[in-house]
Amino acid sequence: MRNIAIIDSNKDFRELIRKMIDSFPSLSNVDYRIYAYNCADEFLKYLNQIPMDIILLDIEMPVTNGLETAEILRDIKNQAIIIFITSDIDDMKDAFGLNVYGFIDKHEFMTSFPSVFLNCNEYLERNIYLLFKTNTGNLKVRKNDIIYASFEKRKVALYTKKEKIYVNLVSLTKFFDLVKSCGNFIYINRSTVINLHYLTSISNYEANLSGILYPILISKEKYKEVTIRFMNTLPYNNY
């Protein structure tokens, strides 16, 4: 499921964006859901409950504006891709360092939005999701939904927020090669790779992960590295 957030104080404009997204033929085979919010504060209230993939964000909003919202998302290391929508393109200079895919000038919205949005979706397909073969067919998994992976029964088992999935990879190394560019996956022992964003605490050579009811052993060889990486990510663990 691809989750798309529209954050704009203008109800008519939110509906316009929704209708345009629904009209794109190239998305007819994409499983997506659109969430519309009239302000950033309403969006932030539900952020932990609904992981977003794309955020269409108006910059000029009361209370918390779009730039401030993007800064909050950056500070908690939220991985959603932001497309700013603005009436003043000079706002671009203030967005440096934020996870911004593109800008759309409201005055040119009808002509600019299709290409920016569809290119963003193609980027998601290449960089945010992983495609695995399973015994029942191909399966697409969002990288950041994976809490940890382990090698079991001669297969790689993925533990996600919702389920445990066996995928047809011959080794855990093959899985790690797919996710290492993210920077938040790490081996904690020879047969287990965890997503650091879900690591809540370390005690007695054991890792405690959000969403997992049992601790996982950290090997002596990996303990120092895992501890250092965990301390560096402490302010950002938001899953």
C-alpha atoms as a PDB file:
ATOM      1  CA  MET A   1       0.000   0.000   0.000  1.00  0.00           C
ATOM      2  CA  ARG A   2       1.348   3.408  -1.003  1.00  0.00           C
ATOM      3  CA  ASN A   3       0.201   6.172   1.335  1.00  0.00           C
ATOM      4  CA  ILE A   4      -0.058   9.719   0.001  1.00  0.00           C
ATOM      5  CA  ALA A   5      -0.716  12.761   2.192  1.00  0.00           C
ATOM      6  CA  ILE A   6      -2.173  16.021   0.890  1.00  0.00           C
ATOM      7  CA  ILE A   7      -1.693  18.886   3.354  1.00  0.00           C
ATOM      8  CA  ASP A   8      -3.299  22.150   2.303  1.00  0.00           C
ATOM      9  CA  SER A   9      -5.623  24.570   4.070  1.00  0.00           C
ATOM     10  CA  ASN A  10      -7.749  24.990   0.934  1.00  0.00           C
ATOM     11  CA  LYS A  11     -10.376  22.225   0.701  1.00  0.00           C
ATOM     12  CA  ASP A  12     -11.057  22.801  -3.008  1.00  0.00           C
ATOM     13  CA  PHE A  13      -7.357  22.543  -3.798  1.00  0.00           C
ATOM     14  CA  ARG A  14      -7.063  19.307  -1.809  1.00  0.00           C
ATOM     15  CA  GLU A  15      -9.912  17.838  -3.851  1.00  0.00           C
ATOM     16  CA  LEU A  16      -8.312  19.003  -7.095  1.00  0.00           C
ATOM     17  CA  ILE A  17      -5.088  17.180  -6.221  1.00  0.00           C
ATOM     18  CA  ARG A  18      -6.994  14.026  -5.262  1.00  0.00           C
ATOM     19  CA  LYS A  19      -8.919  13.991  -8.548  1.00  0.00           C
ATOM     20  CA  MET A  20      -5.749  14.510 -10.574  1.00  0.00           C
ATOM     21  CA  ILE A  21      -3.984  11.615  -8.844  1.00  0.00           C
ATOM     22  CA  ASP A  22      -6.989   9.346  -9.391  1.00  0.00           C
ATOM     23  CA  SER A  23      -6.997  10.249 -13.090  1.00  0.00           C
ATOM     24  CA  PHE A  24      -3.448   9.066 -13.868  1.00  0.00           C
ATOM     25  CA  PRO A  25      -3.621   5.857 -15.980  1.00  0.00           C
ATOM     26  CA  SER A  26      -0.125   4.799 -14.905  1.00  0.00           C
ATOM     27  CA  LEU A  27      -1.348   4.455 -11.313  1.00  0.00           C
ATOM     28  CA  SER A  28      -4.240   2.156 -12.193  1.00  0.00           C
ATOM     29  CA  ASN A  29      -2.262  -0.898 -11.058  1.00  0.00           C
ATOM     30  CA  VAL A  30      -0.781   0.789  -7.983  1.00  0.00           C
ATOM     31  CA  ASP A  31      -2.381   0.103  -4.614  1.00  0.00           C
ATOM     32  CA  TYR A  32      -2.488   3.546  -2.997  1.00  0.00           C
ATOM     33  CA  ARG A  33      -4.519   5.506  -0.473  1.00  0.00           C
ATOM     34  CA  ILE A  34      -4.844   9.276  -0.195  1.00  0.00           C
ATOM     35  CA  TYR A  35      -5.118  11.067   3.153  1.00  0.00           C
ATOM     36  CA  ALA A  36      -6.111  14.741   3.138  1.00  0.00           C
ATOM     37  CA  TYR A  37      -5.364  17.173   5.985  1.00  0.00           C
ATOM     38  CA  ASN A  38      -6.340  20.816   6.329  1.00  0.00           C
ATOM     39  CA  CYS A  39      -3.287  21.686   8.432  1.00  0.00           C
ATOM     40  CA  ALA A  40       0.119  20.316   9.337  1.00  0.00           C
ATOM     41  CA  ASP A  41      -0.770  19.852  12.995  1.00  0.00           C
ATOM     42  CA  GLU A  42      -3.586  17.458  12.103  1.00  0.00           C
ATOM     43  CA  PHE A  43      -1.188  15.508   9.877  1.00  0.00           C
ATOM     44  CA  LEU A  44       1.520  15.304  12.554  1.00  0.00           C
ATOM     45  CA  LYS A  45      -0.994  14.003  15.086  1.00  0.00           C
ATOM     46  CA  TYR A  46      -1.516  10.840  13.026  1.00  0.00           C
ATOM     47  CA  LEU A  47       2.025  10.487  11.683  1.00  0.00           C
ATOM     48  CA  ASN A  48       2.999   7.496  13.820  1.00  0.00           C
ATOM     49  CA  GLN A  49      -0.197   5.640  12.923  1.00  0.00           C
ATOM     50  CA  ILE A  50       0.024   6.027   9.147  1.00  0.00           C
ATOM     51  CA  PRO A  51       3.484   5.790   7.517  1.00  0.00           C
ATOM     52  CA  MET A  52       3.476   8.064   4.484  1.00  0.00           C
ATOM     53  CA  ASP A  53       5.381   7.528   1.252  1.00  0.00           C
ATOM     54  CA  ILE A  54       4.658  10.850  -0.479  1.00  0.00           C
ATOM     55  CA  ILE A  55       3.677  14.119   1.194  1.00  0.00           C
ATOM     56  CA  LEU A  56       2.223  16.922  -0.937  1.00  0.00           C
ATOM     57  CA  LEU A  57       2.839  19.862   1.338  1.00  0.00           C
ATOM     58  CA  ASP A  58       1.642  23.441   1.065  1.00  0.00           C
ATOM     59  CA  ILE A  59       4.233  25.864   2.423  1.00  0.00           C
ATOM     60  CA  GLU A  60       1.947  28.782   3.313  1.00  0.00           C
ATOM     61  CA  MET A  61      -0.207  27.446   6.158  1.00  0.00           C
ATOM     62  CA  PRO A  62      -1.262  28.898   9.520  1.00  0.00           C
ATOM     63  CA  VAL A  63       0.263  27.723  12.830  1.00  0.00           C
ATOM     64  CA  THR A  64       2.835  25.170  11.563  1.00  0.00           C
ATOM     65  CA  ASN A  65       3.831  25.977   7.993  1.00  0.00           C
ATOM     66  CA  GLY A  66       5.174  23.568   5.402  1.00  0.00           C
ATOM     67  CA  LEU A  67       8.847  24.324   5.996  1.00  0.00           C
ATOM     68  CA  GLU A  68       8.478  23.817   9.738  1.00  0.00           C
ATOM     69  CA  THR A  69       6.656  20.546   9.090  1.00  0.00           C
ATOM     70  CA  ALA A  70       9.463  19.327   6.825  1.00  0.00           C
ATOM     71  CA  GLU A  71      12.004  20.212   9.520  1.00  0.00           C
ATOM     72  CA  ILE A  72      10.077  18.117  12.048  1.00  0.00           C
ATOM     73  CA  LEU A  73      10.038  15.192   9.626  1.00  0.00           C
ATOM     74  CA  ARG A  74      13.768  15.568   9.025  1.00  0.00           C
ATOM     75  CA  ASP A  75      14.559  15.712  12.749  1.00  0.00           C
ATOM     76  CA  ILE A  76      12.751  12.433  13.432  1.00  0.00           C
ATOM     77  CA  LYS A  77      14.304  10.900  10.289  1.00  0.00           C
ATOM     78  CA  ASN A  78      10.955  10.248   8.678  1.00  0.00           C
ATOM     79  CA  GLN A  79      11.579   8.704   5.258  1.00  0.00           C
ATOM     80  CA  ALA A  80       8.589  10.129   3.362  1.00  0.00           C
ATOM     81  CA  ILE A  81       9.300  12.073   0.181  1.00  0.00           C
ATOM     82  CA  ILE A  82       8.087  15.673   0.175  1.00  0.00           C
ATOM     83  CA  ILE A  83       6.763  17.636  -2.772  1.00  0.00           C
ATOM     84  CA  PHE A  84       6.304  21.282  -1.807  1.00  0.00           C
ATOM     85  CA  ILE A  85       3.430  23.266  -3.284  1.00  0.00           C
ATOM     86  CA  THR A  86       3.840  27.017  -3.017  1.00  0.00           C
ATOM     87  CA  SER A  87       2.634  30.330  -4.381  1.00  0.00           C
ATOM     88  CA  ASP A  88       6.072  31.851  -3.810  1.00  0.00           C
ATOM     89  CA  ILE A  89       8.871  29.937  -5.505  1.00  0.00           C
ATOM     90  CA  ASP A  90      11.399  31.952  -3.453  1.00  0.00           C
ATOM     91  CA  ASP A  91      10.514  29.577  -0.606  1.00  0.00           C
ATOM     92  CA  MET A  92      12.802  27.051  -2.291  1.00  0.00           C
ATOM     93  CA  LYS A  93      15.892  28.649  -0.782  1.00  0.00           C
ATOM     94  CA  ASP A  94      14.628  27.887   2.739  1.00  0.00           C
ATOM     95  CA  ALA A  95      14.155  24.181   2.014  1.00  0.00           C
ATOM     96  CA  PHE A  96      17.853  23.300   1.743  1.00  0.00           C
ATOM     97  CA  GLY A  97      18.688  20.132   3.687  1.00  0.00           C
ATOM     98  CA  LEU A  98      15.115  18.846   3.811  1.00  0.00           C
ATOM     99  CA  ASN A  99      13.981  15.595   2.185  1.00  0.00           C
ATOM    100  CA  VAL A 100      12.387  17.378  -0.765  1.00  0.00           C
ATOM    101  CA  TYR A 101      11.827  15.702  -4.109  1.00  0.00           C
ATOM    102  CA  GLY A 102      10.445  18.746  -5.901  1.00  0.00           C
ATOM    103  CA  PHE A 103       8.588  22.046  -5.900  1.00  0.00           C
ATOM    104  CA  ILE A 104       5.385  22.961  -7.681  1.00  0.00           C
ATOM    105  CA  ASP A 105       4.364  26.557  -8.272  1.00  0.00           C
ATOM    106  CA  LYS A 106       0.630  26.880  -7.606  1.00  0.00           C
ATOM    107  CA  HIS A 107       0.353  29.277 -10.527  1.00  0.00           C
ATOM    108  CA  GLU A 108       1.542  26.497 -12.851  1.00  0.00           C
ATOM    109  CA  PHE A 109       0.028  23.590 -10.962  1.00  0.00           C
ATOM    110  CA  MET A 110      -2.042  22.045 -13.753  1.00  0.00           C
ATOM    111  CA  THR A 111       0.947  21.738 -16.082  1.00  0.00           C
ATOM    112  CA  SER A 112       3.674  20.966 -13.515  1.00  0.00           C
ATOM    113  CA  PHE A 113       1.992  18.506 -11.166  1.00  0.00           C
ATOM    114  CA  PRO A 114       1.616  15.442 -13.446  1.00  0.00           C
ATOM    115  CA  SER A 115       5.296  15.136 -14.372  1.00  0.00           C
ATOM    116  CA  VAL A 116       6.632  15.881 -10.873  1.00  0.00           C
ATOM    117  CA  PHE A 117       4.229  13.508  -9.143  1.00  0.00           C
ATOM    118  CA  LEU A 118       4.592  10.631 -11.612  1.00  0.00           C
ATOM    119  CA  ASN A 119       8.390  10.918 -11.629  1.00  0.00           C
ATOM    120  CA  CYS A 120       8.283  10.803  -7.845  1.00  0.00           C
ATOM    121  CA  ASN A 121       6.302   7.561  -8.002  1.00  0.00           C
ATOM    122  CA  GLU A 122       8.870   6.041 -10.340  1.00  0.00           C
ATOM    123  CA  TYR A 123      11.588   7.056  -7.883  1.00  0.00           C
ATOM    124  CA  LEU A 124       9.677   5.293  -5.105  1.00  0.00           C
ATOM    125  CA  GLU A 125       9.476   2.114  -7.133  1.00  0.00           C
ATOM    126  CA  ARG A 126      13.243   2.096  -7.626  1.00  0.00           C
ATOM    127  CA  ASN A 127      14.408   3.197  -4.177  1.00  0.00           C
ATOM    128  CA  ILE A 128      11.788   2.707  -1.458  1.00  0.00           C
ATOM    129  CA  TYR A 129      10.380  -0.732  -2.187  1.00  0.00           C
ATOM    130  CA  LEU A 130      11.965  -4.161  -2.521  1.00  0.00           C
ATOM    131  CA  LEU A 131      10.593  -6.888  -4.761  1.00  0.00           C
ATOM    132  CA  PHE A 132      10.990 -10.448  -3.493  1.00  0.00           C
ATOM    133  CA  LYS A 133      10.095 -13.859  -4.843  1.00  0.00           C
ATOM    134  CA  THR A 134       8.131 -16.094  -2.477  1.00  0.00           C
ATOM    135  CA  ASN A 135       6.547 -19.523  -2.824  1.00  0.00           C
ATOM    136  CA  THR A 136       3.231 -17.838  -3.630  1.00  0.00           C
ATOM    137  CA  GLY A 137       4.543 -15.277  -6.130  1.00  0.00           C
ATOM    138  CA  ASN A 138       6.234 -11.887  -6.177  1.00  0.00           C
ATOM    139  CA  LEU A 139       5.886  -9.594  -3.170  1.00  0.00           C
ATOM    140  CA  LYS A 140       6.671  -5.888  -2.838  1.00  0.00           C
ATOM    141  CA  VAL A 141       7.813  -4.736   0.619  1.00  0.00           C
ATOM    142  CA  ARG A 142       8.546  -1.228   1.844  1.00  0.00           C
ATOM    143  CA  LYS A 143      12.115  -1.163   3.178  1.00  0.00           C
ATOM    144  CA  ASN A 144      11.262   0.740   6.327  1.00  0.00           C
ATOM    145  CA  ASP A 145       8.447  -1.662   7.215  1.00  0.00           C
ATOM    146  CA  ILE A 146      11.052  -4.373   7.824  1.00  0.00           C
ATOM    147  CA  ILE A 147      11.881  -4.613  11.537  1.00  0.00           C
ATOM    148  CA  TYR A 148      14.466  -7.346  11.150  1.00  0.00           C
ATOM    149  CA  ALA A 149      15.501 -10.239   8.934  1.00  0.00           C
ATOM    150  CA  SER A 150      16.939 -13.609   9.878  1.00  0.00           C
ATOM    151  CA  PHE A 151      18.128 -16.729   8.097  1.00  0.00           C
ATOM    152  CA  GLU A 152      15.798 -19.616   8.950  1.00  0.00           C
ATOM    153  CA  LYS A 153      15.031 -22.940   7.275  1.00  0.00           C
ATOM    154  CA  ARG A 154      17.469 -22.104   4.468  1.00  0.00           C
ATOM    155  CA  LYS A 155      15.469 -18.979   3.628  1.00  0.00           C
ATOM    156  CA  VAL A 156      15.421 -15.357   4.685  1.00  0.00           C
ATOM    157  CA  ALA A 157      12.538 -14.480   7.004  1.00  0.00           C
ATOM    158  CA  LEU A 158      11.386 -10.853   7.058  1.00  0.00           C
ATOM    159  CA  TYR A 159       9.663  -9.601  10.182  1.00  0.00           C
ATOM    160  CA  THR A 160       7.539  -6.570   9.330  1.00  0.00           C
ATOM    161  CA  LYS A 161       5.025  -4.477  11.237  1.00  0.00           C
ATOM    162  CA  LYS A 162       2.237  -6.806  10.128  1.00  0.00           C
ATOM    163  CA  GLU A 163       3.636 -10.247   9.401  1.00  0.00           C
ATOM    164  CA  LYS A 164       6.499 -12.687   9.003  1.00  0.00           C
ATOM    165  CA  ILE A 165       7.398 -13.417   5.385  1.00  0.00           C
ATOM    166  CA  TYR A 166       9.710 -16.064   3.952  1.00  0.00           C
ATOM    167  CA  VAL A 167      11.409 -14.856   0.774  1.00  0.00           C
ATOM    168  CA  ASN A 168      13.453 -16.842  -1.720  1.00  0.00           C
ATOM    169  CA  LEU A 169      16.934 -15.520  -1.010  1.00  0.00           C
ATOM    170  CA  VAL A 170      19.784 -17.989  -0.625  1.00  0.00           C
ATOM    171  CA  SER A 171      21.535 -16.063   2.147  1.00  0.00           C
ATOM    172  CA  LEU A 172      21.147 -13.167   4.558  1.00  0.00           C
ATOM    173  CA  THR A 173      24.041 -11.501   2.753  1.00  0.00           C
ATOM    174  CA  LYS A 174      21.829 -11.202  -0.334  1.00  0.00           C
ATOM    175  CA  PHE A 175      19.222  -9.379   1.755  1.00  0.00           C
ATOM    176  CA  PHE A 176      21.788  -7.068   3.335  1.00  0.00           C
ATOM    177  CA  ASP A 177      23.125  -6.149  -0.104  1.00  0.00           C
ATOM    178  CA  LEU A 178      19.621  -4.926  -0.986  1.00  0.00           C
ATOM    179  CA  VAL A 179      19.203  -2.698   2.087  1.00  0.00           C
ATOM    180  CA  LYS A 180      22.684  -1.563   3.101  1.00  0.00           C
ATOM    181  CA  SER A 181      22.424   1.657   1.083  1.00  0.00           C
ATOM    182  CA  CYS A 182      19.633   2.797   3.445  1.00  0.00           C
ATOM    183  CA  GLY A 183      22.170   3.175   6.243  1.00  0.00           C
ATOM    184  CA  ASN A 184      19.822   1.964   8.980  1.00  0.00           C
ATOM    185  CA  PHE A 185      20.261  -1.825   8.706  1.00  0.00           C
ATOM    186  CA  ILE A 186      22.988  -3.635  10.635  1.00  0.00           C
ATOM    187  CA  TYR A 187      24.052  -7.182  11.458  1.00  0.00           C
ATOM    188  CA  ILE A 188      23.717  -7.941  15.175  1.00  0.00           C
ATOM    189  CA  ASN A 189      24.793 -11.564  14.820  1.00  0.00           C
ATOM    190  CA  ARG A 190      25.630 -13.912  11.953  1.00  0.00           C
ATOM    191  CA  SER A 191      21.991 -14.770  11.243  1.00  0.00           C
ATOM    192  CA  THR A 192      20.156 -11.514  12.049  1.00  0.00           C
ATOM    193  CA  VAL A 193      20.006  -8.047  10.473  1.00  0.00           C
ATOM    194  CA  ILE A 194      17.919  -5.389  12.238  1.00  0.00           C
ATOM    195  CA  ASN A 195      16.491  -2.020  11.255  1.00  0.00           C
ATOM    196  CA  LEU A 196      18.025   0.450  13.712  1.00  0.00           C
ATOM    197  CA  HIS A 197      14.933   2.657  13.601  1.00  0.00           C
ATOM    198  CA  TYR A 198      13.086  -0.035  15.575  1.00  0.00           C
ATOM    199  CA  LEU A 199      15.804  -0.610  18.172  1.00  0.00           C
ATOM    200  CA  THR A 200      14.477   0.726  21.495  1.00  0.00           C
ATOM    201  CA  SER A 201      17.081  -0.520  23.980  1.00  0.00           C
ATOM    202  CA  ILE A 202      20.072  -2.797  24.530  1.00  0.00           C
ATOM    203  CA  SER A 203      20.602  -4.857  27.680  1.00  0.00           C
ATOM    204  CA  ASN A 204      22.714  -7.904  28.517  1.00  0.00           C
ATOM    205  CA  TYR A 205      23.821  -8.397  24.913  1.00  0.00           C
ATOM    206  CA  GLU A 206      20.209  -8.367  23.745  1.00  0.00           C
ATOM    207  CA  ALA A 207      18.402  -5.994  21.378  1.00  0.00           C
ATOM    208  CA  ASN A 208      14.827  -4.951  22.102  1.00  0.00           C
ATOM    209  CA  LEU A 209      12.874  -3.979  18.997  1.00  0.00           C
ATOM    210  CA  SER A 210       9.626  -2.062  18.733  1.00  0.00           C
ATOM    211  CA  GLY A 211       6.882  -4.409  17.542  1.00  0.00           C
ATOM    212  CA  ILE A 212       8.781  -7.560  18.579  1.00  0.00           C
ATOM    213  CA  LEU A 213       7.821  -9.176  21.890  1.00  0.00           C
ATOM    214  CA  TYR A 214      11.134 -10.928  22.540  1.00  0.00           C
ATOM    215  CA  PRO A 215      14.776  -9.763  22.704  1.00  0.00           C
ATOM    216  CA  ILE A 216      17.318 -10.812  20.062  1.00  0.00           C
ATOM    217  CA  LEU A 217      20.876 -11.810  20.883  1.00  0.00           C
ATOM    218  CA  ILE A 218      23.720  -9.462  19.932  1.00  0.00           C
ATOM    219  CA  SER A 219      26.995 -11.293  19.371  1.00  0.00           C
ATOM    220  CA  LYS A 220      30.103 -10.198  21.272  1.00  0.00           C
ATOM    221  CA  GLU A 221      31.767  -9.349  17.966  1.00  0.00           C
ATOM    222  CA  LYS A 222      28.943  -6.983  17.013  1.00  0.00           C
ATOM    223  CA  TYR A 223      28.061  -5.540  20.428  1.00  0.00           C
ATOM    224  CA  LYS A 224      30.299  -2.452  20.301  1.00  0.00           C
ATOM    225  CA  GLU A 225      29.328  -1.526  16.738  1.00  0.00           C
ATOM    226  CA  VAL A 226      25.605  -1.997  17.410  1.00  0.00           C
ATOM    227  CA  THR A 227      25.785   0.050  20.630  1.00  0.00           C
ATOM    228  CA  ILE A 228      27.564   2.954  18.921  1.00  0.00           C
ATOM    229  CA  ARG A 229      25.139   2.954  15.998  1.00  0.00           C
ATOM    230  CA  PHE A 230      22.203   2.809  18.412  1.00  0.00           C
ATOM    231  CA  MET A 231      23.464   5.783  20.440  1.00  0.00           C
ATOM    232  CA  ASN A 232      23.853   7.793  17.239  1.00  0.00           C
ATOM    233  CA  THR A 233      20.238   7.142  16.233  1.00  0.00           C
ATOM    234  CA  LEU A 234      18.587   7.571  19.654  1.00  0.00           C
ATOM    235  CA  PRO A 235      16.965  10.984  18.952  1.00  0.00           C
ATOM    236  CA  TYR A 236      15.418   9.687  15.748  1.00  0.00           C
ATOM    237  CA  ASN A 237      13.884   6.318  16.577  1.00  0.00           C
ATOM    238  CA  ASN A 238      10.258   7.068  15.816  1.00  0.00           C
ATOM    239  CA  TYR A 239       8.763   3.763  14.739  1.00  0.00           C
END
